[in-house]
Amino acid sequence: MRNLRILITTALMIALSSLGLSAASAADRVAPNCTSASHAQAPAARAVAAPVTVWLAGDSTMANPSSGRCPVGWGSQFDALFNSDVTVRNQAVGGRSIQTWLYEGNVSGTKGSDGECRLTSTTYSSRWQAMLNASTGMKAGDYLFIQFGINDSSSTCPRHVGPARYRQLMTTMVQAALTRGAHPVLLTPVAAITCSGGTATKNRGFVNETFAVGSATRAPVVDLQSLSVSLYNSLRFCPNNGDYGGSGPLGTFFCNDHTHFDTYGAQRIAGLVAGDVRRQNLPLAAYLR
């Protein structure tokens, strides 16, 4: 009888031990699966885009409208092409050359012996000082778009700027942006509408100077003159009777002159700039809608 109890007890212990090992093995098999499932269901971390400010410096073809529907600079339509992480600060002002934009009120009406308009003071304009402000101006990751070359071709002061002076001042602006970690982007001046028979033609200067600064500083250049002329030809703006402010394709694109844009024209020019940002694969393109 005693031997029988020993045999039964031993059998039970072996059975229980076997069950315990199986349960442990099953638990070991289930635990990793649970962990994997938990990891698989965890949402992937989303990259957060850093807010970017795009600063614009230029003339009336870029500036915000002051009243009415004309003129409308393309810079006023640029913000709508980006997502909410981009803020466009348009500091373009009508009638300015690069020198009068930088030194507002301090450019005299007389030329020096070098043929350049004399400065009465080297104090920068309030708009450029604001952009240089360490707290509220250009910061690392921002962009500075620079487009001049239309008013600069004036033969008289204060707007006149010679080629060498133009390169010097544009380089100054580029280097200021780079020093702050911002990205300068240079633009050749947008074309007016002039025709040679049925073909729109280029009519702006300072194109070579703009490319020269871009090459020297490694700043990207948007050849807006070539892009705008190609657009005018695709829209068949030439030949025309000069009625820029009337109805029809030309009248809805330009104001009642050959230079400034109505809202639709400004939107199309802004689209050209954004398209070239994308074509050149600039990092800013990631923010385009």
Protein backbone atom coordinates (compact mmCIF):
# COMPACT_ATOMS: atom_id res chain seq x y z
CA MET A 1 0.00 0.00 0.00
CA ARG A 2 2.84 2.29 0.94
CA ASN A 3 4.57 1.55 -2.37
CA LEU A 4 1.36 2.29 -4.26
CA ARG A 5 1.10 5.73 -2.60
CA ILE A 6 4.70 6.48 -3.54
CA LEU A 7 4.07 5.52 -7.17
CA ILE A 8 0.91 7.67 -7.35
CA THR A 9 2.65 10.63 -5.73
CA THR A 10 5.62 10.36 -8.08
CA ALA A 11 3.31 10.17 -11.11
CA LEU A 12 1.40 13.22 -9.98
CA MET A 13 4.62 15.22 -9.45
CA ILE A 14 5.87 14.31 -12.92
CA ALA A 15 2.54 15.31 -14.48
CA LEU A 16 2.42 18.62 -12.66
CA SER A 17 6.03 19.34 -13.53
CA SER A 18 5.32 18.64 -17.19
CA LEU A 19 2.31 20.94 -17.15
CA GLY A 20 4.34 23.72 -15.54
CA LEU A 21 7.04 23.50 -18.19
CA SER A 22 4.47 23.57 -20.96
CA ALA A 23 2.72 26.57 -19.45
CA ALA A 24 6.04 28.35 -19.09
CA SER A 25 6.97 27.53 -22.67
CA ALA A 26 3.58 28.76 -23.89
CA ALA A 27 3.97 31.94 -21.88
CA ASP A 28 7.43 32.47 -23.38
CA ARG A 29 5.97 32.07 -26.85
CA VAL A 30 3.05 34.44 -26.22
CA ALA A 31 5.00 37.23 -24.52
CA PRO A 32 7.17 38.14 -27.50
CA ASN A 33 4.12 38.14 -29.76
CA CYS A 34 2.32 40.52 -27.43
CA THR A 35 5.34 42.83 -27.38
CA SER A 36 5.58 42.79 -31.16
CA ALA A 37 1.88 43.50 -31.55
CA SER A 38 2.17 46.40 -29.14
CA HIS A 39 5.05 47.88 -31.12
CA ALA A 40 3.27 47.36 -34.41
CA GLN A 41 0.22 49.25 -33.20
CA ALA A 42 2.21 52.24 -31.86
CA PRO A 43 1.80 55.20 -34.23
CA ALA A 44 4.95 56.34 -36.02
CA ALA A 45 6.33 59.69 -34.86
CA ARG A 46 5.53 62.46 -37.32
CA ALA A 47 8.25 64.85 -38.38
CA VAL A 48 7.37 68.38 -37.33
CA ALA A 49 8.24 71.00 -39.96
CA ALA A 50 10.03 74.02 -38.58
CA PRO A 51 8.21 77.29 -39.33
CA VAL A 52 9.94 79.29 -42.04
CA THR A 53 9.75 82.97 -42.93
CA VAL A 54 10.30 83.98 -46.55
CA TRP A 55 11.51 87.58 -46.77
CA LEU A 56 11.04 89.47 -50.05
CA ALA A 57 13.13 92.46 -51.13
CA GLY A 58 12.37 94.14 -54.43
CA ASP A 59 10.43 96.76 -56.39
CA SER A 60 6.83 97.35 -57.48
CA THR A 61 6.62 94.20 -59.58
CA MET A 62 7.04 92.27 -56.31
CA ALA A 63 5.37 94.65 -53.82
CA ASN A 64 1.99 94.37 -52.12
CA PRO A 65 -0.73 96.54 -53.72
CA SER A 66 -1.25 99.91 -52.07
CA SER A 67 -4.77 100.56 -53.37
CA GLY A 68 -7.17 99.29 -55.98
CA ARG A 69 -6.45 96.30 -58.13
CA CYS A 70 -3.38 97.69 -59.94
CA PRO A 71 -0.52 97.30 -59.61
CA VAL A 72 -0.31 93.98 -57.78
CA GLY A 73 3.18 92.63 -57.20
CA TRP A 74 3.72 88.90 -57.48
CA GLY A 75 5.08 88.82 -53.90
CA SER A 76 1.57 89.50 -52.60
CA GLN A 77 0.41 86.21 -54.13
CA PHE A 78 3.37 84.11 -52.99
CA ASP A 79 2.13 83.16 -49.52
CA ALA A 80 -0.93 81.33 -50.90
CA LEU A 81 1.34 78.82 -52.64
CA PHE A 82 2.77 77.48 -49.36
CA ASN A 83 1.38 75.54 -46.43
CA SER A 84 0.76 77.09 -43.03
CA ASP A 85 4.35 76.54 -41.87
CA VAL A 86 5.52 79.38 -44.14
CA THR A 87 5.06 83.10 -43.51
CA VAL A 88 5.88 85.52 -46.32
CA ARG A 89 7.14 88.95 -45.24
CA ASN A 90 6.97 91.15 -48.32
CA GLN A 91 9.28 94.16 -47.94
CA ALA A 92 9.34 95.11 -51.62
CA VAL A 93 8.66 98.79 -52.32
CA GLY A 94 7.65 100.41 -55.59
CA GLY A 95 10.09 102.65 -57.42
CA ARG A 96 13.20 101.39 -55.63
CA SER A 97 16.54 100.35 -57.02
CA ILE A 98 18.65 98.07 -54.87
CA GLN A 99 20.50 101.11 -53.52
CA THR A 100 17.47 103.24 -52.67
CA TRP A 101 15.84 100.18 -51.07
CA LEU A 102 18.89 99.65 -48.86
CA TYR A 103 19.64 103.31 -48.11
CA GLU A 104 16.20 104.94 -48.20
CA GLY A 105 16.57 108.74 -47.91
CA ASN A 106 20.36 108.62 -47.93
CA VAL A 107 21.00 108.50 -51.67
CA SER A 108 21.68 111.93 -53.16
CA GLY A 109 20.62 113.24 -56.54
CA THR A 110 24.19 113.70 -57.75
CA LYS A 111 26.83 111.29 -59.02
CA GLY A 112 30.36 111.00 -57.75
CA SER A 113 33.51 110.67 -59.84
CA ASP A 114 32.87 106.92 -60.11
CA GLY A 115 29.54 107.54 -61.82
CA GLU A 116 27.52 106.25 -58.86
CA CYS A 117 24.93 108.20 -56.87
CA ARG A 118 26.53 109.60 -53.74
CA LEU A 119 25.40 108.44 -50.32
CA THR A 120 24.79 111.14 -47.74
CA SER A 121 24.84 108.50 -45.01
CA THR A 122 25.63 104.81 -44.81
CA THR A 123 22.73 104.21 -42.42
CA TYR A 124 20.51 101.43 -43.72
CA SER A 125 16.80 101.87 -44.32
CA SER A 126 14.44 100.87 -41.51
CA ARG A 127 13.18 97.92 -43.56
CA TRP A 128 16.66 96.42 -43.96
CA GLN A 129 17.53 97.12 -40.33
CA ALA A 130 14.37 95.25 -39.31
CA MET A 131 15.36 92.26 -41.42
CA LEU A 132 18.82 92.29 -39.82
CA ASN A 133 17.41 92.46 -36.29
CA ALA A 134 18.83 89.59 -34.24
CA SER A 135 15.54 88.94 -32.43
CA THR A 136 12.81 89.59 -34.98
CA GLY A 137 14.59 89.55 -38.34
CA MET A 138 16.03 86.80 -40.51
CA LYS A 139 16.84 83.61 -38.62
CA ALA A 140 18.44 80.30 -39.46
CA GLY A 141 16.33 78.39 -41.98
CA ASP A 142 14.57 81.46 -43.36
CA TYR A 143 14.76 82.58 -47.00
CA LEU A 144 15.57 85.93 -48.58
CA PHE A 145 14.33 86.48 -52.14
CA ILE A 146 16.03 89.46 -53.84
CA GLN A 147 14.72 90.94 -57.11
CA PHE A 148 15.90 94.29 -58.44
CA GLY A 149 17.25 95.56 -61.77
CA ILE A 150 14.27 97.48 -63.17
CA ASN A 151 14.59 100.94 -61.60
CA ASP A 152 18.37 100.51 -61.29
CA SER A 153 18.74 101.10 -65.02
CA SER A 154 17.73 104.76 -64.62
CA SER A 155 20.42 107.13 -65.88
CA THR A 156 19.71 109.66 -63.14
CA CYS A 157 20.08 109.65 -59.38
CA PRO A 158 18.92 108.61 -56.88
CA ARG A 159 17.77 105.40 -58.59
CA HIS A 160 20.76 104.88 -60.88
CA VAL A 161 23.02 101.93 -60.04
CA GLY A 162 25.96 100.78 -62.15
CA PRO A 163 26.79 97.10 -62.80
CA ALA A 164 29.69 96.89 -60.33
CA ARG A 165 27.76 98.68 -57.61
CA TYR A 166 24.77 96.43 -58.23
CA ARG A 167 26.91 93.31 -57.73
CA GLN A 168 28.42 94.81 -54.58
CA LEU A 169 25.08 95.63 -52.98
CA MET A 170 23.47 92.32 -53.91
CA THR A 171 26.48 90.49 -52.50
CA THR A 172 26.11 92.48 -49.27
CA MET A 173 22.50 91.31 -48.94
CA VAL A 174 23.39 87.70 -49.73
CA GLN A 175 26.19 87.63 -47.17
CA ALA A 176 23.93 89.16 -44.51
CA ALA A 177 21.44 86.36 -45.03
CA LEU A 178 24.13 83.68 -44.96
CA THR A 179 25.63 85.09 -41.76
CA ARG A 180 22.25 84.57 -40.08
CA GLY A 181 21.83 81.05 -41.41
CA ALA A 182 19.14 82.14 -43.90
CA HIS A 183 19.04 81.04 -47.55
CA PRO A 184 19.35 83.78 -50.21
CA VAL A 185 17.60 83.30 -53.55
CA LEU A 186 18.33 85.74 -56.38
CA LEU A 187 15.91 86.63 -59.16
CA THR A 188 16.52 88.33 -62.47
CA PRO A 189 14.00 91.16 -63.02
CA VAL A 190 10.63 90.09 -64.38
CA ALA A 191 10.06 91.16 -67.97
CA ALA A 192 7.68 93.80 -69.22
CA ILE A 193 5.68 92.90 -72.32
CA THR A 194 7.42 94.02 -75.47
CA CYS A 195 6.94 92.40 -78.84
CA SER A 196 8.96 91.76 -81.94
CA GLY A 197 6.18 90.91 -84.32
CA GLY A 198 4.41 87.94 -82.79
CA THR A 199 7.12 87.17 -80.23
CA ALA A 200 7.56 88.54 -76.71
CA THR A 201 11.14 89.63 -76.10
CA LYS A 202 13.48 90.17 -73.15
CA ASN A 203 13.84 93.79 -72.05
CA ARG A 204 15.58 93.92 -68.66
CA GLY A 205 19.14 94.54 -67.60
CA PHE A 206 21.26 93.32 -64.67
CA VAL A 207 20.69 89.70 -65.63
CA ASN A 208 24.39 88.90 -66.00
CA GLU A 209 25.14 90.73 -62.75
CA THR A 210 22.55 88.66 -60.89
CA PHE A 211 23.97 85.41 -62.20
CA ALA A 212 27.51 86.58 -61.38
CA VAL A 213 26.56 87.14 -57.73
CA GLY A 214 24.81 83.79 -57.64
CA SER A 215 27.90 82.07 -59.00
CA ALA A 216 30.26 83.86 -56.59
CA THR A 217 28.14 83.20 -53.50
CA ARG A 218 26.58 79.88 -54.56
CA ALA A 219 23.13 81.38 -54.14
CA PRO A 220 20.46 79.88 -56.43
CA VAL A 221 19.15 82.12 -59.20
CA VAL A 222 15.59 82.12 -60.54
CA ASP A 223 15.78 83.51 -64.08
CA LEU A 224 12.43 85.25 -63.85
CA GLN A 225 13.02 87.29 -66.98
CA SER A 226 13.33 84.18 -69.15
CA LEU A 227 10.47 82.45 -67.36
CA SER A 228 8.13 85.43 -67.75
CA VAL A 229 8.93 85.90 -71.44
CA SER A 230 8.28 82.21 -72.08
CA LEU A 231 4.94 82.56 -70.30
CA TYR A 232 3.96 85.61 -72.38
CA ASN A 233 4.72 83.68 -75.55
CA SER A 234 2.75 80.65 -74.39
CA LEU A 235 -0.23 82.97 -73.76
CA ARG A 236 0.24 84.58 -77.20
CA PHE A 237 0.43 88.16 -75.93
CA CYS A 238 2.15 89.30 -79.13
CA PRO A 239 1.35 91.05 -81.34
CA ASN A 240 -0.97 93.42 -79.45
CA ASN A 241 -2.49 96.87 -79.87
CA GLY A 242 -1.14 98.21 -76.58
CA ASP A 243 -4.49 98.08 -74.76
CA TYR A 244 -3.15 96.66 -71.50
CA GLY A 245 -6.01 97.79 -69.29
CA GLY A 246 -8.88 96.50 -71.37
CA SER A 247 -10.57 93.15 -71.63
CA GLY A 248 -9.03 90.03 -73.06
CA PRO A 249 -5.97 88.00 -72.04
CA LEU A 250 -3.56 90.94 -72.03
CA GLY A 251 -5.90 93.23 -70.12
CA THR A 252 -6.54 90.71 -67.34
CA PHE A 253 -2.80 90.08 -66.92
CA PHE A 254 -1.35 93.61 -66.96
CA CYS A 255 -2.42 97.01 -65.67
CA ASN A 256 -2.78 99.85 -68.16
CA ASP A 257 0.96 99.85 -68.86
CA HIS A 258 3.49 97.33 -70.11
CA THR A 259 5.10 96.58 -66.74
CA HIS A 260 2.78 96.08 -63.77
CA PHE A 261 0.39 93.24 -63.06
CA ASP A 262 -3.25 92.83 -62.30
CA THR A 263 -4.10 90.16 -59.72
CA TYR A 264 -4.25 87.34 -62.27
CA GLY A 265 -0.90 88.31 -63.74
CA ALA A 266 0.69 88.52 -60.28
CA GLN A 267 -0.62 85.04 -59.49
CA ARG A 268 0.89 83.61 -62.66
CA ILE A 269 4.28 85.23 -62.01
CA ALA A 270 4.28 83.97 -58.41
CA GLY A 271 3.56 80.52 -59.81
CA LEU A 272 6.61 80.78 -62.05
CA VAL A 273 8.83 81.52 -59.05
CA ALA A 274 7.36 78.66 -57.02
CA GLY A 275 7.71 76.33 -59.98
CA ASP A 276 11.40 77.11 -60.29
CA VAL A 277 11.90 76.60 -56.55
CA ARG A 278 10.49 73.13 -57.10
CA ARG A 279 12.48 72.54 -60.28
CA GLN A 280 15.74 73.45 -58.55
CA ASN A 281 14.74 71.20 -55.64
CA LEU A 282 15.39 73.89 -53.05
CA PRO A 283 14.47 72.75 -49.51
CA LEU A 284 11.72 75.40 -49.51
CA ALA A 285 9.88 73.30 -52.10
CA ALA A 286 8.85 70.89 -49.33
CA TYR A 287 6.46 73.58 -48.04
CA LEU A 288 4.68 74.20 -51.36
CA ARG A 289 1.07 73.11 -51.58
